Amino acid sequence: MPECHLKNASGTNFLIVFRRSALFMNYPNWIKDLESSSLNSGQRAVDKRPLVLAVDDNHDNLELLTQILDLFGCECVGAVDGYAALSVAVDRPPDLIVLDICLPDINGIELVKRIKQNPKLIHIPIVAITALAKTEDRDRILQAGCVEYLSKPFNIQDLETIIRHHLKYQLAVSG
């Protein structure tokens, strides 16, 4: 699989993997700590942070979101469209999904429905972060199966409250 390694001005590492014509992003800025630490048996340490799948077709929004989630203590994997998100979720089921509703291929509502139809994924909480701000949009998004809804631009403290609520056990164990 073709990969591209990038580093931004603040030192955050990005791995972009091109797979099945979809773009996946992984943000392992914590990898140096994992590589330098080891278990008593000589094995490498395993990242035990909760895994969050962030989905947004806007690369700047996706980068910002993954950096925020990293600050909250989450491991992040990103996808820029619905099919890529579904593939990532099936291959490596996350503990939580943060989802933009307006995606270029399948919309977020359809993606939520497909996730909820999969027995391996049905239990995963999905938080919608979207520019759709009307009351009827919010109701439709929550009825589709999202557990929370935030409209863009969102308040970071509101997002943190939601993430901590839905990952309270995992964040307590990893932190």
C-alpha atoms as a PDB file:
ATOM      1  CA  MET A   1       0.000   0.000   0.000  1.00  0.00           C
ATOM      2  CA  PRO A   2       1.414   3.437  -0.873  1.00  0.00           C
ATOM      3  CA  GLU A   3       2.112   5.629   2.146  1.00  0.00           C
ATOM      4  CA  CYS A   4       3.169   9.220   2.659  1.00  0.00           C
ATOM      5  CA  HIS A   5       4.772  10.435   5.908  1.00  0.00           C
ATOM      6  CA  LEU A   6       4.355  14.121   6.771  1.00  0.00           C
ATOM      7  CA  LYS A   7       5.303  16.338   9.707  1.00  0.00           C
ATOM      8  CA  ASN A   8       3.629  19.699  10.346  1.00  0.00           C
ATOM      9  CA  ALA A   9       5.240  22.825  11.833  1.00  0.00           C
ATOM     10  CA  SER A  10       4.241  21.859  15.385  1.00  0.00           C
ATOM     11  CA  GLY A  11       5.968  18.482  15.054  1.00  0.00           C
ATOM     12  CA  THR A  12       2.867  16.298  14.686  1.00  0.00           C
ATOM     13  CA  ASN A  13       3.506  13.267  12.475  1.00  0.00           C
ATOM     14  CA  PHE A  14       0.949  12.182   9.881  1.00  0.00           C
ATOM     15  CA  LEU A  15       0.745   8.937   7.966  1.00  0.00           C
ATOM     16  CA  ILE A  16      -1.414   9.034   4.866  1.00  0.00           C
ATOM     17  CA  VAL A  17      -2.208   5.613   3.430  1.00  0.00           C
ATOM     18  CA  PHE A  18      -3.796   5.325  -0.015  1.00  0.00           C
ATOM     19  CA  ARG A  19      -6.016   2.267  -0.098  1.00  0.00           C
ATOM     20  CA  ARG A  20      -8.781   1.311  -2.513  1.00  0.00           C
ATOM     21  CA  SER A  21      -8.846   4.880  -3.902  1.00  0.00           C
ATOM     22  CA  ALA A  22      -9.670   6.216  -0.433  1.00  0.00           C
ATOM     23  CA  LEU A  23      -7.506   8.355   1.792  1.00  0.00           C
ATOM     24  CA  PHE A  24      -6.901   7.217   5.365  1.00  0.00           C
ATOM     25  CA  MET A  25      -5.002   9.289   7.884  1.00  0.00           C
ATOM     26  CA  ASN A  26      -3.356   8.113  11.061  1.00  0.00           C
ATOM     27  CA  TYR A  27      -1.864  10.615  13.484  1.00  0.00           C
ATOM     28  CA  PRO A  28       0.707   8.741  15.600  1.00  0.00           C
ATOM     29  CA  ASN A  29       2.437  11.710  17.260  1.00  0.00           C
ATOM     30  CA  TRP A  30       2.691   9.491  20.346  1.00  0.00           C
ATOM     31  CA  ILE A  31       4.715   6.777  18.564  1.00  0.00           C
ATOM     32  CA  LYS A  32       8.104   7.964  19.871  1.00  0.00           C
ATOM     33  CA  ASP A  33       6.947   7.436  23.457  1.00  0.00           C
ATOM     34  CA  LEU A  34       5.688   3.960  22.597  1.00  0.00           C
ATOM     35  CA  GLU A  35       8.888   3.026  20.777  1.00  0.00           C
ATOM     36  CA  SER A  36      11.094   4.215  23.634  1.00  0.00           C
ATOM     37  CA  SER A  37       9.077   2.425  26.306  1.00  0.00           C
ATOM     38  CA  SER A  38       8.981  -1.332  26.714  1.00  0.00           C
ATOM     39  CA  LEU A  39       7.510  -3.961  28.947  1.00  0.00           C
ATOM     40  CA  ASN A  40       9.614  -5.977  31.421  1.00  0.00           C
ATOM     41  CA  SER A  41       9.488  -8.932  29.033  1.00  0.00           C
ATOM     42  CA  GLY A  42      11.252  -6.888  26.366  1.00  0.00           C
ATOM     43  CA  GLN A  43       8.104  -6.499  24.251  1.00  0.00           C
ATOM     44  CA  ARG A  44       7.026  -3.143  22.940  1.00  0.00           C
ATOM     45  CA  ALA A  45       4.322  -1.305  24.866  1.00  0.00           C
ATOM     46  CA  VAL A  46       0.861  -1.263  23.301  1.00  0.00           C
ATOM     47  CA  ASP A  47      -1.140   1.954  23.004  1.00  0.00           C
ATOM     48  CA  LYS A  48      -4.154   1.458  25.262  1.00  0.00           C
ATOM     49  CA  ARG A  49      -5.812   4.767  24.542  1.00  0.00           C
ATOM     50  CA  PRO A  50      -9.379   4.564  23.237  1.00  0.00           C
ATOM     51  CA  LEU A  51      -9.547   4.528  19.449  1.00  0.00           C
ATOM     52  CA  VAL A  52     -11.653   7.247  17.804  1.00  0.00           C
ATOM     53  CA  LEU A  53     -12.476   7.248  14.103  1.00  0.00           C
ATOM     54  CA  ALA A  54     -12.777  10.848  12.882  1.00  0.00           C
ATOM     55  CA  VAL A  55     -14.580  11.347   9.564  1.00  0.00           C
ATOM     56  CA  ASP A  56     -14.549  14.649   7.666  1.00  0.00           C
ATOM     57  CA  ASP A  57     -13.990  15.358   3.976  1.00  0.00           C
ATOM     58  CA  ASN A  58     -12.312  18.686   4.777  1.00  0.00           C
ATOM     59  CA  HIS A  59      -8.654  17.876   5.458  1.00  0.00           C
ATOM     60  CA  ASP A  60      -8.122  20.944   7.678  1.00  0.00           C
ATOM     61  CA  ASN A  61     -11.165  20.057   9.797  1.00  0.00           C
ATOM     62  CA  LEU A  62      -9.967  16.450  10.022  1.00  0.00           C
ATOM     63  CA  GLU A  63      -6.480  17.499  11.105  1.00  0.00           C
ATOM     64  CA  LEU A  64      -7.874  19.875  13.737  1.00  0.00           C
ATOM     65  CA  LEU A  65     -10.295  17.268  15.022  1.00  0.00           C
ATOM     66  CA  THR A  66      -7.647  14.558  15.328  1.00  0.00           C
ATOM     67  CA  GLN A  67      -5.274  16.910  17.150  1.00  0.00           C
ATOM     68  CA  ILE A  68      -8.044  17.850  19.588  1.00  0.00           C
ATOM     69  CA  LEU A  69      -8.907  14.186  20.171  1.00  0.00           C
ATOM     70  CA  ASP A  70      -5.231  13.413  20.733  1.00  0.00           C
ATOM     71  CA  LEU A  71      -5.152  16.116  23.424  1.00  0.00           C
ATOM     72  CA  PHE A  72      -8.171  14.433  25.047  1.00  0.00           C
ATOM     73  CA  GLY A  73      -6.118  11.223  25.329  1.00  0.00           C
ATOM     74  CA  CYS A  74      -7.500   9.328  22.339  1.00  0.00           C
ATOM     75  CA  GLU A  75      -5.756   7.436  19.568  1.00  0.00           C
ATOM     76  CA  CYS A  76      -7.144   8.757  16.275  1.00  0.00           C
ATOM     77  CA  VAL A  77      -7.685   7.302  12.846  1.00  0.00           C
ATOM     78  CA  GLY A  78      -9.214   9.507  10.167  1.00  0.00           C
ATOM     79  CA  ALA A  79     -11.164   8.991   6.974  1.00  0.00           C
ATOM     80  CA  VAL A  80     -12.204  11.547   4.356  1.00  0.00           C
ATOM     81  CA  ASP A  81     -15.316   9.821   3.019  1.00  0.00           C
ATOM     82  CA  GLY A  82     -18.053   7.422   4.058  1.00  0.00           C
ATOM     83  CA  TYR A  83     -16.757   4.312   2.275  1.00  0.00           C
ATOM     84  CA  ALA A  84     -13.288   4.788   3.738  1.00  0.00           C
ATOM     85  CA  ALA A  85     -14.818   5.266   7.195  1.00  0.00           C
ATOM     86  CA  LEU A  86     -16.868   2.081   6.886  1.00  0.00           C
ATOM     87  CA  SER A  87     -13.824   0.126   5.747  1.00  0.00           C
ATOM     88  CA  VAL A  88     -11.704   1.434   8.634  1.00  0.00           C
ATOM     89  CA  ALA A  89     -14.471   0.718  11.160  1.00  0.00           C
ATOM     90  CA  VAL A  90     -14.825  -2.883   9.961  1.00  0.00           C
ATOM     91  CA  ASP A  91     -11.044  -3.490   9.836  1.00  0.00           C
ATOM     92  CA  ARG A  92     -10.341  -1.893  13.217  1.00  0.00           C
ATOM     93  CA  PRO A  93     -13.536  -1.191  15.193  1.00  0.00           C
ATOM     94  CA  PRO A  94     -13.150   2.080  17.090  1.00  0.00           C
ATOM     95  CA  ASP A  95     -14.437   2.879  20.570  1.00  0.00           C
ATOM     96  CA  LEU A  96     -16.202   5.992  19.212  1.00  0.00           C
ATOM     97  CA  ILE A  97     -16.845   7.665  15.858  1.00  0.00           C
ATOM     98  CA  VAL A  98     -16.884  11.437  15.312  1.00  0.00           C
ATOM     99  CA  LEU A  99     -18.666  12.046  12.033  1.00  0.00           C
ATOM    100  CA  ASP A 100     -19.302  14.922   9.646  1.00  0.00           C
ATOM    101  CA  ILE A 101     -22.714  14.398   8.032  1.00  0.00           C
ATOM    102  CA  CYS A 102     -21.988  16.067   4.669  1.00  0.00           C
ATOM    103  CA  LEU A 103     -19.613  13.653   2.925  1.00  0.00           C
ATOM    104  CA  PRO A 104     -18.785  13.390  -0.802  1.00  0.00           C
ATOM    105  CA  ASP A 105     -19.838   9.783  -1.441  1.00  0.00           C
ATOM    106  CA  ILE A 106     -22.478   8.535   0.988  1.00  0.00           C
ATOM    107  CA  ASN A 107     -23.888  11.009   3.474  1.00  0.00           C
ATOM    108  CA  GLY A 108     -23.338  10.628   7.188  1.00  0.00           C
ATOM    109  CA  ILE A 109     -26.941   9.545   7.841  1.00  0.00           C
ATOM    110  CA  GLU A 110     -26.540   6.617   5.428  1.00  0.00           C
ATOM    111  CA  LEU A 111     -23.169   5.792   6.975  1.00  0.00           C
ATOM    112  CA  VAL A 112     -24.722   5.698  10.462  1.00  0.00           C
ATOM    113  CA  LYS A 113     -27.420   3.323   9.185  1.00  0.00           C
ATOM    114  CA  ARG A 114     -24.821   1.000   7.634  1.00  0.00           C
ATOM    115  CA  ILE A 115     -22.755   1.000  10.814  1.00  0.00           C
ATOM    116  CA  LYS A 116     -25.820   0.221  12.927  1.00  0.00           C
ATOM    117  CA  GLN A 117     -26.680  -2.713  10.614  1.00  0.00           C
ATOM    118  CA  ASN A 118     -23.319  -4.362  11.252  1.00  0.00           C
ATOM    119  CA  PRO A 119     -23.355  -6.562  14.391  1.00  0.00           C
ATOM    120  CA  LYS A 120     -19.623  -5.859  14.969  1.00  0.00           C
ATOM    121  CA  LEU A 121     -20.205  -2.092  14.944  1.00  0.00           C
ATOM    122  CA  ILE A 122     -23.731  -1.547  16.290  1.00  0.00           C
ATOM    123  CA  HIS A 123     -22.512  -0.750  19.826  1.00  0.00           C
ATOM    124  CA  ILE A 124     -20.124   2.048  18.769  1.00  0.00           C
ATOM    125  CA  PRO A 125     -21.342   5.514  19.821  1.00  0.00           C
ATOM    126  CA  ILE A 126     -21.403   8.019  16.956  1.00  0.00           C
ATOM    127  CA  VAL A 127     -21.105  11.766  17.548  1.00  0.00           C
ATOM    128  CA  ALA A 128     -22.179  14.006  14.667  1.00  0.00           C
ATOM    129  CA  ILE A 129     -20.276  17.244  14.092  1.00  0.00           C
ATOM    130  CA  THR A 130     -21.877  19.036  11.179  1.00  0.00           C
ATOM    131  CA  ALA A 131     -22.695  22.336   9.534  1.00  0.00           C
ATOM    132  CA  LEU A 132     -26.351  21.254   9.441  1.00  0.00           C
ATOM    133  CA  ALA A 133     -27.754  23.400  12.230  1.00  0.00           C
ATOM    134  CA  LYS A 134     -31.542  23.311  11.843  1.00  0.00           C
ATOM    135  CA  THR A 135     -33.674  21.619  14.490  1.00  0.00           C
ATOM    136  CA  GLU A 136     -35.066  19.164  11.928  1.00  0.00           C
ATOM    137  CA  ASP A 137     -31.491  18.250  10.865  1.00  0.00           C
ATOM    138  CA  ARG A 138     -30.538  17.604  14.493  1.00  0.00           C
ATOM    139  CA  ASP A 139     -33.622  15.440  15.022  1.00  0.00           C
ATOM    140  CA  ARG A 140     -32.974  13.458  11.822  1.00  0.00           C
ATOM    141  CA  ILE A 141     -29.312  12.884  12.775  1.00  0.00           C
ATOM    142  CA  LEU A 142     -30.186  11.677  16.280  1.00  0.00           C
ATOM    143  CA  GLN A 143     -33.012   9.462  14.971  1.00  0.00           C
ATOM    144  CA  ALA A 144     -30.548   7.835  12.547  1.00  0.00           C
ATOM    145  CA  GLY A 145     -28.513   6.579  15.515  1.00  0.00           C
ATOM    146  CA  CYS A 146     -26.042   9.266  16.570  1.00  0.00           C
ATOM    147  CA  VAL A 147     -25.748   9.589  20.337  1.00  0.00           C
ATOM    148  CA  GLU A 148     -24.769  13.273  20.257  1.00  0.00           C
ATOM    149  CA  TYR A 149     -24.868  16.232  17.894  1.00  0.00           C
ATOM    150  CA  LEU A 150     -22.675  19.335  17.642  1.00  0.00           C
ATOM    151  CA  SER A 151     -23.031  22.002  14.980  1.00  0.00           C
ATOM    152  CA  LYS A 152     -19.984  23.633  13.387  1.00  0.00           C
ATOM    153  CA  PRO A 153     -18.283  25.670  14.556  1.00  0.00           C
ATOM    154  CA  PHE A 154     -18.281  23.674  17.774  1.00  0.00           C
ATOM    155  CA  ASN A 155     -17.069  24.521  21.257  1.00  0.00           C
ATOM    156  CA  ILE A 156     -14.048  22.379  22.167  1.00  0.00           C
ATOM    157  CA  GLN A 157     -15.216  22.090  25.786  1.00  0.00           C
ATOM    158  CA  ASP A 158     -18.571  20.733  24.588  1.00  0.00           C
ATOM    159  CA  LEU A 159     -16.760  18.152  22.475  1.00  0.00           C
ATOM    160  CA  GLU A 160     -14.531  17.208  25.397  1.00  0.00           C
ATOM    161  CA  THR A 161     -17.563  16.732  27.660  1.00  0.00           C
ATOM    162  CA  ILE A 162     -19.208  14.462  25.089  1.00  0.00           C
ATOM    163  CA  ILE A 163     -16.042  12.442  24.412  1.00  0.00           C
ATOM    164  CA  ARG A 164     -15.305  11.979  28.112  1.00  0.00           C
ATOM    165  CA  HIS A 165     -18.913  10.940  28.768  1.00  0.00           C
ATOM    166  CA  HIS A 166     -18.904   8.239  26.086  1.00  0.00           C
ATOM    167  CA  LEU A 167     -15.333   7.049  26.736  1.00  0.00           C
ATOM    168  CA  LYS A 168     -15.241   7.508  30.511  1.00  0.00           C
ATOM    169  CA  TYR A 169     -14.124   3.936  31.250  1.00  0.00           C
ATOM    170  CA  GLN A 170     -11.548   3.760  28.456  1.00  0.00           C
ATOM    171  CA  LEU A 171     -10.034   7.173  29.270  1.00  0.00           C
ATOM    172  CA  ALA A 172      -9.802   6.290  32.967  1.00  0.00           C
ATOM    173  CA  VAL A 173      -7.945   3.058  32.163  1.00  0.00           C
ATOM    174  CA  SER A 174      -5.550   4.619  29.638  1.00  0.00           C
ATOM    175  CA  GLY A 175      -4.802   7.770  31.609  1.00  0.00           C
END
